[in-house]
Amino acid sequence: GIVPSAVIGAGGFFSSRAAANVDHELLRNLLLSVGAEYRLEEFQDIDRSDTTFQTNLAATYLIGRSVGLVAEYQYTDVTSDGLLARQPFDQNIFRLSLEYRP
């Protein structure tokens, strides 16, 4: 469907998305996760389309029944085509967090 847009001149955009994620319990207290996502956004009323490719890797070490230490890496690559294309970029994010699951 059409998604509202914050881009000036665009009435919205059509968004297509494909994603996959795999989780694996390596040990009883060590969980691994890997995922990828591809997203295409085609804007209405302006000449622009954005493509996003994102991957992520995560490991969760369960300290207790409901507390885990999470290490995560995420890579994002964004490209844009058309007359009003934005600047392409890529991004690397590393996170370390403590997670509570009641």
N, C-alpha and C. Protein backbone atom coordinates (compact mmCIF):
# COMPACT_ATOMS: atom_id res chain seq x y z
N GLY A 1 0.80 -1.18 0.00
CA GLY A 1 0.00 0.00 0.00
C GLY A 1 0.86 1.26 0.00
N ILE A 2 0.19 2.38 0.01
CA ILE A 2 0.88 3.67 0.03
C ILE A 2 1.14 4.08 1.47
N VAL A 3 2.37 4.50 1.73
CA VAL A 3 2.79 4.94 3.05
C VAL A 3 2.99 6.45 3.00
N PRO A 4 2.48 7.22 3.99
CA PRO A 4 2.72 8.67 4.00
C PRO A 4 4.22 8.96 4.03
N SER A 5 4.61 10.08 3.41
CA SER A 5 6.02 10.43 3.32
C SER A 5 6.29 11.80 3.91
N ALA A 6 7.48 11.94 4.51
CA ALA A 6 7.92 13.23 5.03
C ALA A 6 8.72 14.00 3.99
N VAL A 7 8.91 13.41 2.80
CA VAL A 7 9.68 14.05 1.73
C VAL A 7 8.80 15.11 1.07
N ILE A 8 9.31 16.33 0.97
CA ILE A 8 8.56 17.44 0.39
C ILE A 8 8.22 17.12 -1.08
N GLY A 9 6.95 17.29 -1.43
CA GLY A 9 6.51 17.06 -2.80
C GLY A 9 5.99 15.67 -3.07
N ALA A 10 6.30 14.74 -2.20
CA ALA A 10 5.85 13.36 -2.38
C ALA A 10 4.56 13.15 -1.61
N GLY A 11 3.55 12.62 -2.30
CA GLY A 11 2.29 12.33 -1.63
C GLY A 11 2.37 11.09 -0.77
N GLY A 12 3.40 10.31 -0.97
CA GLY A 12 3.60 9.06 -0.24
C GLY A 12 4.52 8.18 -1.05
N PHE A 13 4.66 6.94 -0.65
CA PHE A 13 5.47 6.01 -1.42
C PHE A 13 4.94 4.60 -1.28
N PHE A 14 5.19 3.79 -2.30
CA PHE A 14 4.88 2.37 -2.26
C PHE A 14 6.10 1.68 -1.65
N SER A 15 5.87 0.82 -0.70
CA SER A 15 6.97 0.13 -0.03
C SER A 15 6.85 -1.37 -0.25
N SER A 16 7.93 -1.98 -0.72
CA SER A 16 8.02 -3.43 -0.87
C SER A 16 9.15 -3.91 0.03
N ARG A 17 8.95 -5.04 0.69
CA ARG A 17 9.93 -5.50 1.68
C ARG A 17 10.02 -7.02 1.65
N ALA A 18 11.25 -7.51 1.74
CA ALA A 18 11.50 -8.95 1.92
C ALA A 18 12.52 -9.09 3.04
N ALA A 19 12.25 -10.01 3.96
CA ALA A 19 13.15 -10.17 5.10
C ALA A 19 13.20 -11.63 5.51
N ALA A 20 14.33 -12.00 6.10
CA ALA A 20 14.50 -13.35 6.63
C ALA A 20 15.35 -13.25 7.90
N ASN A 21 15.04 -14.12 8.86
CA ASN A 21 15.79 -14.14 10.11
C ASN A 21 15.90 -15.59 10.58
N VAL A 22 17.07 -15.96 11.07
CA VAL A 22 17.30 -17.30 11.57
C VAL A 22 17.86 -17.20 12.99
N ASP A 23 17.24 -17.91 13.91
CA ASP A 23 17.71 -17.97 15.29
C ASP A 23 18.19 -19.39 15.57
N HIS A 24 19.26 -19.48 16.36
CA HIS A 24 19.83 -20.80 16.68
C HIS A 24 20.28 -20.81 18.14
N GLU A 25 19.92 -21.85 18.85
CA GLU A 25 20.36 -22.01 20.23
C GLU A 25 21.64 -22.85 20.21
N LEU A 26 22.77 -22.17 20.23
CA LEU A 26 24.06 -22.85 20.16
C LEU A 26 24.31 -23.65 21.43
N LEU A 27 24.06 -23.02 22.56
CA LEU A 27 24.11 -23.66 23.87
C LEU A 27 22.83 -23.29 24.60
N ARG A 28 22.58 -23.91 25.72
CA ARG A 28 21.35 -23.61 26.47
C ARG A 28 21.24 -22.14 26.83
N ASN A 29 22.38 -21.49 27.06
CA ASN A 29 22.37 -20.09 27.46
C ASN A 29 23.01 -19.16 26.43
N LEU A 30 23.22 -19.64 25.20
CA LEU A 30 23.81 -18.80 24.15
C LEU A 30 22.97 -18.91 22.87
N LEU A 31 22.32 -17.81 22.53
CA LEU A 31 21.45 -17.75 21.35
C LEU A 31 22.10 -16.91 20.27
N LEU A 32 22.07 -17.38 19.04
CA LEU A 32 22.61 -16.65 17.90
C LEU A 32 21.49 -16.28 16.95
N SER A 33 21.62 -15.15 16.29
CA SER A 33 20.60 -14.69 15.35
C SER A 33 21.28 -14.01 14.17
N VAL A 34 20.78 -14.27 12.98
CA VAL A 34 21.27 -13.60 11.78
C VAL A 34 20.04 -13.25 10.93
N GLY A 35 20.09 -12.07 10.31
CA GLY A 35 18.94 -11.64 9.52
C GLY A 35 19.35 -10.73 8.39
N ALA A 36 18.47 -10.61 7.41
CA ALA A 36 18.68 -9.72 6.28
C ALA A 36 17.33 -9.17 5.83
N GLU A 37 17.37 -7.94 5.32
CA GLU A 37 16.15 -7.29 4.83
C GLU A 37 16.48 -6.47 3.59
N TYR A 38 15.58 -6.53 2.60
CA TYR A 38 15.67 -5.72 1.40
C TYR A 38 14.38 -4.91 1.32
N ARG A 39 14.50 -3.59 1.10
CA ARG A 39 13.33 -2.73 1.05
C ARG A 39 13.43 -1.78 -0.14
N LEU A 40 12.36 -1.64 -0.89
CA LEU A 40 12.28 -0.72 -2.02
C LEU A 40 11.14 0.25 -1.77
N GLU A 41 11.44 1.55 -1.85
CA GLU A 41 10.42 2.59 -1.65
C GLU A 41 10.36 3.43 -2.92
N GLU A 42 9.21 3.40 -3.60
CA GLU A 42 9.01 4.15 -4.84
C GLU A 42 8.05 5.30 -4.55
N PHE A 43 8.55 6.53 -4.67
CA PHE A 43 7.79 7.71 -4.27
C PHE A 43 6.77 8.12 -5.33
N GLN A 44 5.65 8.65 -4.87
CA GLN A 44 4.62 9.19 -5.75
C GLN A 44 4.89 10.67 -5.99
N ASP A 45 4.54 11.15 -7.16
CA ASP A 45 4.58 12.58 -7.51
C ASP A 45 5.98 13.16 -7.66
N ILE A 46 7.03 12.42 -7.36
CA ILE A 46 8.40 12.89 -7.58
C ILE A 46 9.22 11.75 -8.19
N ASP A 47 10.33 12.08 -8.82
CA ASP A 47 11.21 11.09 -9.45
C ASP A 47 12.26 10.65 -8.44
N ARG A 48 11.89 9.60 -7.65
CA ARG A 48 12.82 9.09 -6.65
C ARG A 48 12.41 7.69 -6.21
N SER A 49 13.39 6.84 -6.05
CA SER A 49 13.17 5.53 -5.42
C SER A 49 14.38 5.21 -4.55
N ASP A 50 14.12 4.68 -3.38
CA ASP A 50 15.17 4.35 -2.42
C ASP A 50 15.23 2.84 -2.23
N THR A 51 16.45 2.32 -2.16
CA THR A 51 16.67 0.90 -1.91
C THR A 51 17.51 0.76 -0.64
N THR A 52 17.05 -0.09 0.26
CA THR A 52 17.75 -0.32 1.52
C THR A 52 18.04 -1.80 1.66
N PHE A 53 19.29 -2.12 1.99
CA PHE A 53 19.69 -3.49 2.30
C PHE A 53 20.28 -3.47 3.70
N GLN A 54 19.78 -4.36 4.55
CA GLN A 54 20.22 -4.36 5.94
C GLN A 54 20.49 -5.79 6.40
N THR A 55 21.59 -5.97 7.11
CA THR A 55 21.90 -7.27 7.71
C THR A 55 22.18 -7.07 9.20
N ASN A 56 21.93 -8.11 9.97
CA ASN A 56 22.26 -8.02 11.38
C ASN A 56 22.71 -9.38 11.92
N LEU A 57 23.62 -9.32 12.86
CA LEU A 57 24.11 -10.49 13.58
C LEU A 57 23.97 -10.19 15.06
N ALA A 58 23.52 -11.17 15.84
CA ALA A 58 23.37 -10.94 17.27
C ALA A 58 23.69 -12.21 18.05
N ALA A 59 24.20 -12.02 19.23
CA ALA A 59 24.42 -13.12 20.16
C ALA A 59 23.86 -12.70 21.52
N THR A 60 23.10 -13.58 22.13
CA THR A 60 22.52 -13.31 23.44
C THR A 60 23.01 -14.36 24.43
N TYR A 61 23.65 -13.89 25.49
CA TYR A 61 24.11 -14.78 26.56
C TYR A 61 23.13 -14.63 27.71
N LEU A 62 22.42 -15.71 28.02
CA LEU A 62 21.43 -15.67 29.09
C LEU A 62 22.11 -15.79 30.44
N ILE A 63 22.01 -14.73 31.22
CA ILE A 63 22.62 -14.68 32.54
C ILE A 63 21.73 -15.40 33.54
N GLY A 64 20.45 -15.26 33.37
CA GLY A 64 19.46 -15.90 34.22
C GLY A 64 18.25 -16.24 33.37
N ARG A 65 17.17 -16.59 34.01
CA ARG A 65 15.95 -16.97 33.29
C ARG A 65 15.37 -15.85 32.44
N SER A 66 15.48 -14.62 32.90
CA SER A 66 14.86 -13.51 32.19
C SER A 66 15.82 -12.36 31.89
N VAL A 67 17.12 -12.56 32.07
CA VAL A 67 18.11 -11.50 31.82
C VAL A 67 19.16 -12.03 30.84
N GLY A 68 19.44 -11.21 29.82
CA GLY A 68 20.44 -11.61 28.84
C GLY A 68 21.34 -10.45 28.46
N LEU A 69 22.58 -10.77 28.15
CA LEU A 69 23.54 -9.80 27.64
C LEU A 69 23.55 -9.97 26.12
N VAL A 70 23.26 -8.89 25.38
CA VAL A 70 23.10 -8.96 23.93
C VAL A 70 24.20 -8.15 23.25
N ALA A 71 24.90 -8.78 22.32
CA ALA A 71 25.88 -8.11 21.46
C ALA A 71 25.31 -8.18 20.04
N GLU A 72 25.25 -7.02 19.37
CA GLU A 72 24.62 -6.99 18.05
C GLU A 72 25.41 -6.10 17.10
N TYR A 73 25.46 -6.53 15.85
CA TYR A 73 26.05 -5.74 14.77
C TYR A 73 25.01 -5.60 13.67
N GLN A 74 24.87 -4.38 13.15
CA GLN A 74 23.90 -4.12 12.08
C GLN A 74 24.57 -3.29 10.99
N TYR A 75 24.43 -3.74 9.75
CA TYR A 75 24.95 -3.01 8.59
C TYR A 75 23.78 -2.60 7.72
N THR A 76 23.76 -1.32 7.32
CA THR A 76 22.71 -0.80 6.46
C THR A 76 23.34 -0.07 5.28
N ASP A 77 22.82 -0.35 4.08
CA ASP A 77 23.26 0.31 2.85
C ASP A 77 22.03 0.90 2.17
N VAL A 78 22.03 2.22 1.97
CA VAL A 78 20.89 2.90 1.35
C VAL A 78 21.36 3.58 0.07
N THR A 79 20.68 3.28 -1.03
CA THR A 79 20.93 3.96 -2.30
C THR A 79 19.64 4.60 -2.76
N SER A 80 19.77 5.62 -3.59
CA SER A 80 18.61 6.37 -4.06
C SER A 80 18.80 6.69 -5.54
N ASP A 81 17.74 6.57 -6.32
CA ASP A 81 17.77 6.86 -7.76
C ASP A 81 16.70 7.88 -8.11
N GLY A 82 16.93 8.60 -9.21
CA GLY A 82 15.95 9.55 -9.70
C GLY A 82 16.46 10.97 -9.62
N LEU A 83 15.67 11.89 -10.17
CA LEU A 83 16.03 13.30 -10.22
C LEU A 83 16.18 13.90 -8.83
N LEU A 84 15.35 13.47 -7.89
CA LEU A 84 15.39 13.99 -6.52
C LEU A 84 16.00 12.99 -5.54
N ALA A 85 16.95 12.20 -6.03
CA ALA A 85 17.59 11.18 -5.19
C ALA A 85 18.34 11.83 -4.03
N ARG A 86 18.36 11.14 -2.93
CA ARG A 86 19.14 11.62 -1.79
C ARG A 86 20.54 11.01 -1.84
N GLN A 87 21.41 11.50 -0.99
CA GLN A 87 22.79 11.02 -0.93
C GLN A 87 22.81 9.57 -0.42
N PRO A 88 23.46 8.66 -1.15
CA PRO A 88 23.55 7.29 -0.64
C PRO A 88 24.46 7.23 0.59
N PHE A 89 24.23 6.23 1.44
CA PHE A 89 25.08 6.07 2.62
C PHE A 89 25.07 4.62 3.07
N ASP A 90 26.07 4.28 3.85
CA ASP A 90 26.06 3.01 4.56
C ASP A 90 26.37 3.29 6.02
N GLN A 91 25.95 2.36 6.87
CA GLN A 91 26.02 2.59 8.30
C GLN A 91 26.37 1.29 9.01
N ASN A 92 27.27 1.36 9.96
CA ASN A 92 27.63 0.23 10.81
C ASN A 92 27.27 0.58 12.24
N ILE A 93 26.49 -0.27 12.88
CA ILE A 93 26.07 -0.03 14.26
C ILE A 93 26.45 -1.25 15.10
N PHE A 94 27.12 -0.99 16.21
CA PHE A 94 27.45 -2.02 17.19
C PHE A 94 26.71 -1.69 18.47
N ARG A 95 26.06 -2.69 19.06
CA ARG A 95 25.31 -2.47 20.30
C ARG A 95 25.69 -3.54 21.32
N LEU A 96 25.72 -3.13 22.56
CA LEU A 96 25.87 -4.04 23.67
C LEU A 96 24.81 -3.63 24.68
N SER A 97 23.95 -4.55 25.05
CA SER A 97 22.85 -4.18 25.93
C SER A 97 22.52 -5.30 26.91
N LEU A 98 21.84 -4.92 27.95
CA LEU A 98 21.32 -5.85 28.93
C LEU A 98 19.82 -5.91 28.72
N GLU A 99 19.28 -7.09 28.55
CA GLU A 99 17.88 -7.25 28.19
C GLU A 99 17.13 -8.00 29.28
N TYR A 100 15.95 -7.49 29.61
CA TYR A 100 15.12 -8.13 30.62
C TYR A 100 13.83 -8.61 29.95
N ARG A 101 13.51 -9.88 30.11
CA ARG A 101 12.27 -10.45 29.57
C ARG A 101 11.48 -11.06 30.72
N PRO A 102 10.40 -10.39 31.12
CA PRO A 102 9.61 -10.90 32.27
C PRO A 102 8.88 -12.20 31.96
